[in-house]
Amino acid sequence: MSNGENRRNGPQFSTAALITSAAMVGAGTLIALAGLAIGGGHLLSATRQWINEMEVPPSELARLKLTQARTAMAAGAAAWQDGPRVVPSPSGR
């Protein structure tokens, strides 16, 4: 080959095929995003309705469980620090 010849380096792509595929990927992305928005909105609405129907709101339930955990922790720490309370038996053993 001489320097004057046209050399093709790398693959040759069809512009029309690339434009068509990019348009299809874009349209598919928009459809997927629309589906996510609709599904997410429904999920959020159903969750809000479920929470509103609860007898005890989740925030109050969490506060109650935290109080119970703190009480149990304090009781466990006190029992660990004080040790077992052994009452001597009347027989002396």
C-alpha atoms as a PDB file:
ATOM      1  CA  MET A   1       0.000   0.000   0.000  1.00  0.00           C
ATOM      2  CA  SER A   2       1.212   3.453  -0.762  1.00  0.00           C
ATOM      3  CA  ASN A   3       0.591   6.607   1.189  1.00  0.00           C
ATOM      4  CA  GLY A   4      -1.957   7.816  -1.364  1.00  0.00           C
ATOM      5  CA  GLU A   5      -4.383   4.925  -0.884  1.00  0.00           C
ATOM      6  CA  ASN A   6      -7.427   5.220   1.373  1.00  0.00           C
ATOM      7  CA  ARG A   7      -7.119   2.968   4.345  1.00  0.00           C
ATOM      8  CA  ARG A   8     -10.045   1.985   6.485  1.00  0.00           C
ATOM      9  CA  ASN A   9      -9.145   1.468  10.091  1.00  0.00           C
ATOM     10  CA  GLY A  10     -11.623  -0.258  12.362  1.00  0.00           C
ATOM     11  CA  PRO A  11     -15.202  -1.330  11.732  1.00  0.00           C
ATOM     12  CA  GLN A  12     -17.591   0.667   9.581  1.00  0.00           C
ATOM     13  CA  PHE A  13     -20.963   1.362  11.212  1.00  0.00           C
ATOM     14  CA  SER A  14     -24.281   2.167   9.588  1.00  0.00           C
ATOM     15  CA  THR A  15     -25.467   5.519  10.892  1.00  0.00           C
ATOM     16  CA  ALA A  16     -29.138   4.685  10.375  1.00  0.00           C
ATOM     17  CA  ALA A  17     -28.890   1.531  12.482  1.00  0.00           C
ATOM     18  CA  LEU A  18     -27.155   3.390  15.303  1.00  0.00           C
ATOM     19  CA  ILE A  19     -29.729   6.187  15.301  1.00  0.00           C
ATOM     20  CA  THR A  20     -32.604   3.682  15.277  1.00  0.00           C
ATOM     21  CA  SER A  21     -31.134   1.677  18.152  1.00  0.00           C
ATOM     22  CA  ALA A  22     -30.477   4.822  20.213  1.00  0.00           C
ATOM     23  CA  ALA A  23     -34.075   5.967  19.655  1.00  0.00           C
ATOM     24  CA  MET A  24     -35.408   2.569  20.721  1.00  0.00           C
ATOM     25  CA  VAL A  25     -33.238   2.518  23.848  1.00  0.00           C
ATOM     26  CA  GLY A  26     -34.443   6.031  24.716  1.00  0.00           C
ATOM     27  CA  ALA A  27     -38.093   5.085  24.205  1.00  0.00           C
ATOM     28  CA  GLY A  28     -37.642   1.939  26.291  1.00  0.00           C
ATOM     29  CA  THR A  29     -36.020   3.966  29.054  1.00  0.00           C
ATOM     30  CA  LEU A  30     -38.936   6.408  29.099  1.00  0.00           C
ATOM     31  CA  ILE A  31     -41.440   3.534  29.261  1.00  0.00           C
ATOM     32  CA  ALA A  32     -39.490   1.907  32.119  1.00  0.00           C
ATOM     33  CA  LEU A  33     -39.339   5.196  34.037  1.00  0.00           C
ATOM     34  CA  ALA A  34     -43.075   5.702  33.574  1.00  0.00           C
ATOM     35  CA  GLY A  35     -43.694   2.192  34.899  1.00  0.00           C
ATOM     36  CA  LEU A  36     -41.483   2.832  37.909  1.00  0.00           C
ATOM     37  CA  ALA A  37     -43.292   6.097  38.647  1.00  0.00           C
ATOM     38  CA  ILE A  38     -46.738   4.478  38.452  1.00  0.00           C
ATOM     39  CA  GLY A  39     -45.708   1.444  40.520  1.00  0.00           C
ATOM     40  CA  GLY A  40     -43.881   3.565  43.089  1.00  0.00           C
ATOM     41  CA  GLY A  41     -46.861   5.889  43.463  1.00  0.00           C
ATOM     42  CA  HIS A  42     -49.194   2.963  44.034  1.00  0.00           C
ATOM     43  CA  LEU A  43     -46.803   1.390  46.538  1.00  0.00           C
ATOM     44  CA  LEU A  44     -46.524   4.664  48.451  1.00  0.00           C
ATOM     45  CA  SER A  45     -50.306   5.122  48.478  1.00  0.00           C
ATOM     46  CA  ALA A  46     -50.930   1.568  49.710  1.00  0.00           C
ATOM     47  CA  THR A  47     -48.307   1.942  52.447  1.00  0.00           C
ATOM     48  CA  ARG A  48     -49.828   5.219  53.662  1.00  0.00           C
ATOM     49  CA  GLN A  49     -53.287   3.633  53.765  1.00  0.00           C
ATOM     50  CA  TRP A  50     -51.937   0.626  55.699  1.00  0.00           C
ATOM     51  CA  ILE A  51     -50.227   2.884  58.266  1.00  0.00           C
ATOM     52  CA  ASN A  52     -53.377   5.007  58.686  1.00  0.00           C
ATOM     53  CA  GLU A  53     -55.388   1.846  59.426  1.00  0.00           C
ATOM     54  CA  MET A  54     -53.021   0.721  62.216  1.00  0.00           C
ATOM     55  CA  GLU A  55     -54.295   0.941  65.794  1.00  0.00           C
ATOM     56  CA  VAL A  56     -50.895   2.066  67.091  1.00  0.00           C
ATOM     57  CA  PRO A  57     -48.827   4.341  64.810  1.00  0.00           C
ATOM     58  CA  PRO A  58     -45.317   3.074  63.991  1.00  0.00           C
ATOM     59  CA  SER A  59     -43.662   6.047  65.740  1.00  0.00           C
ATOM     60  CA  GLU A  60     -45.499   5.313  68.983  1.00  0.00           C
ATOM     61  CA  LEU A  61     -44.749   1.596  68.684  1.00  0.00           C
ATOM     62  CA  ALA A  62     -41.054   2.353  68.162  1.00  0.00           C
ATOM     63  CA  ARG A  63     -41.059   4.638  71.219  1.00  0.00           C
ATOM     64  CA  LEU A  64     -42.696   1.881  73.304  1.00  0.00           C
ATOM     65  CA  LYS A  65     -40.176  -0.746  72.147  1.00  0.00           C
ATOM     66  CA  LEU A  66     -37.281   1.617  72.888  1.00  0.00           C
ATOM     67  CA  THR A  67     -38.600   2.160  76.410  1.00  0.00           C
ATOM     68  CA  GLN A  68     -38.925  -1.597  76.888  1.00  0.00           C
ATOM     69  CA  ALA A  69     -35.383  -2.162  75.627  1.00  0.00           C
ATOM     70  CA  ARG A  70     -33.960   0.502  77.935  1.00  0.00           C
ATOM     71  CA  THR A  71     -35.789  -0.987  80.915  1.00  0.00           C
ATOM     72  CA  ALA A  72     -34.555  -4.482  80.083  1.00  0.00           C
ATOM     73  CA  MET A  73     -31.007  -3.179  79.619  1.00  0.00           C
ATOM     74  CA  ALA A  74     -31.081  -1.427  82.984  1.00  0.00           C
ATOM     75  CA  ALA A  75     -32.448  -4.553  84.689  1.00  0.00           C
ATOM     76  CA  GLY A  76     -29.810  -6.734  83.054  1.00  0.00           C
ATOM     77  CA  ALA A  77     -26.998  -4.346  84.010  1.00  0.00           C
ATOM     78  CA  ALA A  78     -28.225  -4.197  87.604  1.00  0.00           C
ATOM     79  CA  ALA A  79     -28.451  -7.984  87.823  1.00  0.00           C
ATOM     80  CA  TRP A  80     -24.958  -8.359  86.364  1.00  0.00           C
ATOM     81  CA  GLN A  81     -23.422  -5.801  88.743  1.00  0.00           C
ATOM     82  CA  ASP A  82     -25.222  -6.996  91.880  1.00  0.00           C
ATOM     83  CA  GLY A  83     -24.616 -10.665  91.198  1.00  0.00           C
ATOM     84  CA  PRO A  84     -26.930 -13.484  92.147  1.00  0.00           C
ATOM     85  CA  ARG A  85     -28.772 -13.097  95.379  1.00  0.00           C
ATOM     86  CA  VAL A  86     -28.178 -16.403  97.147  1.00  0.00           C
ATOM     87  CA  VAL A  87     -30.225 -17.031 100.227  1.00  0.00           C
ATOM     88  CA  PRO A  88     -28.441 -19.433 102.605  1.00  0.00           C
ATOM     89  CA  SER A  89     -30.364 -22.581 103.277  1.00  0.00           C
ATOM     90  CA  PRO A  90     -31.431 -23.285 106.873  1.00  0.00           C
ATOM     91  CA  SER A  91     -29.400 -26.514 106.961  1.00  0.00           C
ATOM     92  CA  GLY A  92     -26.136 -24.588 106.477  1.00  0.00           C
ATOM     93  CA  ARG A  93     -25.159 -26.156 103.185  1.00  0.00           C
END
